[in-house]
Amino acid sequence: MGMNVASSSGGGGRRSRRKPVMAEINVTPMVDVMLVLLIIFMVSAPLLTVGVPLDLPQTQAKSLEQNDQKPIQMSVDIKGKVFINDSEIAINELVPKLKAITDARGGLEERIYLRADKKADYGTVARVMGLLSGAGFKKLALVTEADQG
């Protein structure tokens, strides 16, 4: 019975042949997981915004979008003339006339639509807007056409 003593180091020769440990992180699996998560979130996000299905009661009340009154429309033409709906009015009579119309309709909270020719004098349009703002009309909307191009 004998012992085989081949080397005096005791550990054999395998340790010296091993590759050193890599300190770099392999990024490819992390990118793959991130892409899969991105696809899952992109597919599931529209499903989460559906909301709670409800069977709402039926009523005879009108919706808020319906309005029996014709909106107040102001216009400024190319010559600088000011119109309320379809009737021409002088600029100095503009505020008293509008206040009379809105008082008959229920107050200053009504929206006023302002239309102006694109070649109209900018100063006239700005003056009309300033008069309306100074008189307390806060809901002023500028009307434009949709771009066809």
Protein backbone atom coordinates (compact mmCIF):
# COMPACT_ATOMS: atom_id res chain seq x y z
CA MET A 1 0.00 0.00 0.00
CA GLY A 2 1.54 3.05 -0.97
CA MET A 3 0.72 6.64 -1.29
CA ASN A 4 1.09 8.47 -4.44
CA VAL A 5 2.90 11.69 -3.81
CA ALA A 6 3.21 13.34 -7.19
CA SER A 7 3.53 16.93 -6.20
CA SER A 8 4.56 18.69 -3.13
CA SER A 9 2.01 21.56 -3.46
CA GLY A 10 -0.82 19.35 -2.35
CA GLY A 11 -3.48 20.93 -4.60
CA GLY A 12 -2.60 19.55 -7.92
CA GLY A 13 -1.97 21.52 -11.08
CA ARG A 14 -5.53 22.54 -11.92
CA ARG A 15 -5.59 25.89 -10.11
CA SER A 16 -2.92 27.46 -12.17
CA ARG A 17 -4.77 26.70 -15.42
CA ARG A 18 -8.11 28.40 -14.49
CA LYS A 19 -9.16 31.63 -16.21
CA PRO A 20 -9.39 34.69 -13.97
CA VAL A 21 -12.88 35.75 -12.81
CA MET A 22 -14.57 38.31 -15.11
CA ALA A 23 -15.81 41.42 -13.35
CA GLU A 24 -18.00 42.57 -16.30
CA ILE A 25 -21.79 42.25 -16.25
CA ASN A 26 -23.47 40.53 -19.17
CA VAL A 27 -26.01 43.13 -20.33
CA THR A 28 -27.78 41.08 -23.01
CA PRO A 29 -30.15 39.18 -20.64
CA MET A 30 -31.05 42.43 -18.89
CA VAL A 31 -31.91 44.10 -22.22
CA ASP A 32 -34.00 41.08 -23.21
CA VAL A 33 -35.97 41.26 -19.96
CA MET A 34 -36.51 45.01 -20.36
CA LEU A 35 -37.83 44.59 -23.91
CA VAL A 36 -40.23 41.86 -22.80
CA LEU A 37 -41.48 44.08 -19.95
CA LEU A 38 -41.90 46.99 -22.35
CA ILE A 39 -44.05 44.90 -24.66
CA ILE A 40 -46.13 43.62 -21.75
CA PHE A 41 -46.77 47.16 -20.47
CA MET A 42 -47.59 48.45 -23.97
CA VAL A 43 -50.19 45.71 -24.43
CA SER A 44 -51.69 45.94 -20.95
CA ALA A 45 -51.85 49.77 -20.63
CA PRO A 46 -54.92 50.25 -22.87
CA LEU A 47 -56.72 47.50 -20.98
CA LEU A 48 -56.24 49.29 -17.67
CA THR A 49 -57.92 52.54 -18.82
CA VAL A 50 -61.32 51.01 -19.61
CA GLY A 51 -62.77 51.94 -16.25
CA VAL A 52 -65.56 50.41 -14.26
CA PRO A 53 -68.49 49.19 -16.36
CA LEU A 54 -71.66 50.85 -15.10
CA ASP A 55 -75.29 50.76 -16.12
CA LEU A 56 -76.25 54.41 -15.69
CA PRO A 57 -79.88 55.45 -15.17
CA GLN A 58 -81.77 57.12 -18.02
CA THR A 59 -83.08 60.68 -17.51
CA GLN A 60 -84.84 63.30 -19.57
CA ALA A 61 -82.31 66.01 -18.66
CA LYS A 62 -80.45 67.70 -21.50
CA SER A 63 -76.71 67.21 -21.76
CA LEU A 64 -74.41 70.13 -21.04
CA GLU A 65 -73.37 70.39 -24.68
CA GLN A 66 -76.85 71.35 -25.83
CA ASN A 67 -77.71 75.02 -25.65
CA ASP A 68 -81.02 76.47 -26.83
CA GLN A 69 -79.57 79.96 -27.22
CA LYS A 70 -77.61 81.04 -30.25
CA PRO A 71 -74.07 81.94 -29.14
CA ILE A 72 -72.95 85.57 -29.24
CA GLN A 73 -70.75 86.01 -32.28
CA MET A 74 -68.75 89.16 -32.87
CA SER A 75 -67.10 89.88 -36.19
CA VAL A 76 -64.55 92.39 -37.43
CA ASP A 77 -64.45 92.73 -41.21
CA ILE A 78 -61.64 93.88 -43.47
CA LYS A 79 -62.78 97.51 -43.26
CA GLY A 80 -62.72 97.50 -39.44
CA LYS A 81 -66.50 97.39 -38.96
CA VAL A 82 -67.67 95.55 -35.84
CA PHE A 83 -70.73 93.30 -35.84
CA ILE A 84 -72.67 91.59 -33.05
CA ASN A 85 -74.21 88.48 -34.58
CA ASP A 86 -75.27 90.00 -37.95
CA SER A 87 -75.92 93.64 -37.03
CA GLU A 88 -73.27 96.35 -37.36
CA ILE A 89 -72.48 98.37 -34.25
CA ALA A 90 -70.16 101.27 -33.45
CA ILE A 91 -67.18 100.44 -31.23
CA ASN A 92 -68.21 102.97 -28.58
CA GLU A 93 -71.64 101.27 -28.30
CA LEU A 94 -70.16 97.78 -28.12
CA VAL A 95 -69.91 97.26 -24.35
CA PRO A 96 -73.39 98.62 -23.40
CA LYS A 97 -75.02 96.56 -26.16
CA LEU A 98 -73.19 93.37 -25.11
CA LYS A 99 -74.04 93.93 -21.44
CA ALA A 100 -77.71 94.32 -22.37
CA ILE A 101 -77.62 91.09 -24.40
CA THR A 102 -75.84 89.09 -21.69
CA ASP A 103 -78.05 90.47 -18.90
CA ALA A 104 -81.10 89.32 -20.86
CA ARG A 105 -79.47 85.89 -21.24
CA GLY A 106 -78.27 85.46 -17.68
CA GLY A 107 -74.99 87.29 -17.01
CA LEU A 108 -71.37 87.83 -18.00
CA GLU A 109 -70.46 84.13 -17.87
CA GLU A 110 -71.55 83.50 -21.45
CA ARG A 111 -68.89 82.69 -24.04
CA ILE A 112 -68.39 85.23 -26.84
CA TYR A 113 -67.01 84.06 -30.18
CA LEU A 114 -64.85 86.63 -31.96
CA ARG A 115 -64.23 86.24 -35.67
CA ALA A 116 -62.00 88.55 -37.66
CA ASP A 117 -60.93 88.66 -41.27
CA LYS A 118 -57.29 87.69 -41.63
CA LYS A 119 -56.61 90.97 -43.41
CA ALA A 120 -58.47 93.03 -40.80
CA ASP A 121 -56.57 95.68 -38.88
CA TYR A 122 -54.88 94.03 -35.91
CA GLY A 123 -55.33 97.20 -33.84
CA THR A 124 -59.10 97.07 -34.26
CA VAL A 125 -59.23 93.40 -33.21
CA ALA A 126 -57.00 94.12 -30.19
CA ARG A 127 -59.15 97.12 -29.24
CA VAL A 128 -62.34 95.03 -29.35
CA MET A 129 -60.70 92.33 -27.23
CA GLY A 130 -59.47 94.96 -24.75
CA LEU A 131 -62.94 96.49 -24.47
CA LEU A 132 -64.49 93.08 -23.82
CA SER A 133 -61.88 92.15 -21.22
CA GLY A 134 -62.18 95.51 -19.49
CA ALA A 135 -65.98 95.17 -19.34
CA GLY A 136 -65.70 91.86 -17.47
CA PHE A 137 -66.23 89.37 -20.27
CA LYS A 138 -63.75 86.61 -19.43
CA LYS A 139 -64.90 83.85 -21.81
CA LEU A 140 -63.69 85.09 -25.17
CA ALA A 141 -62.93 82.59 -27.93
CA LEU A 142 -61.23 83.38 -31.22
CA VAL A 143 -62.78 81.53 -34.17
CA THR A 144 -60.55 80.16 -36.93
CA GLU A 145 -60.95 77.76 -39.79
CA ALA A 146 -59.36 74.34 -39.80
CA ASP A 147 -56.20 74.09 -41.89
CA GLN A 148 -56.95 72.17 -45.09
CA GLY A 149 -53.30 71.45 -45.93
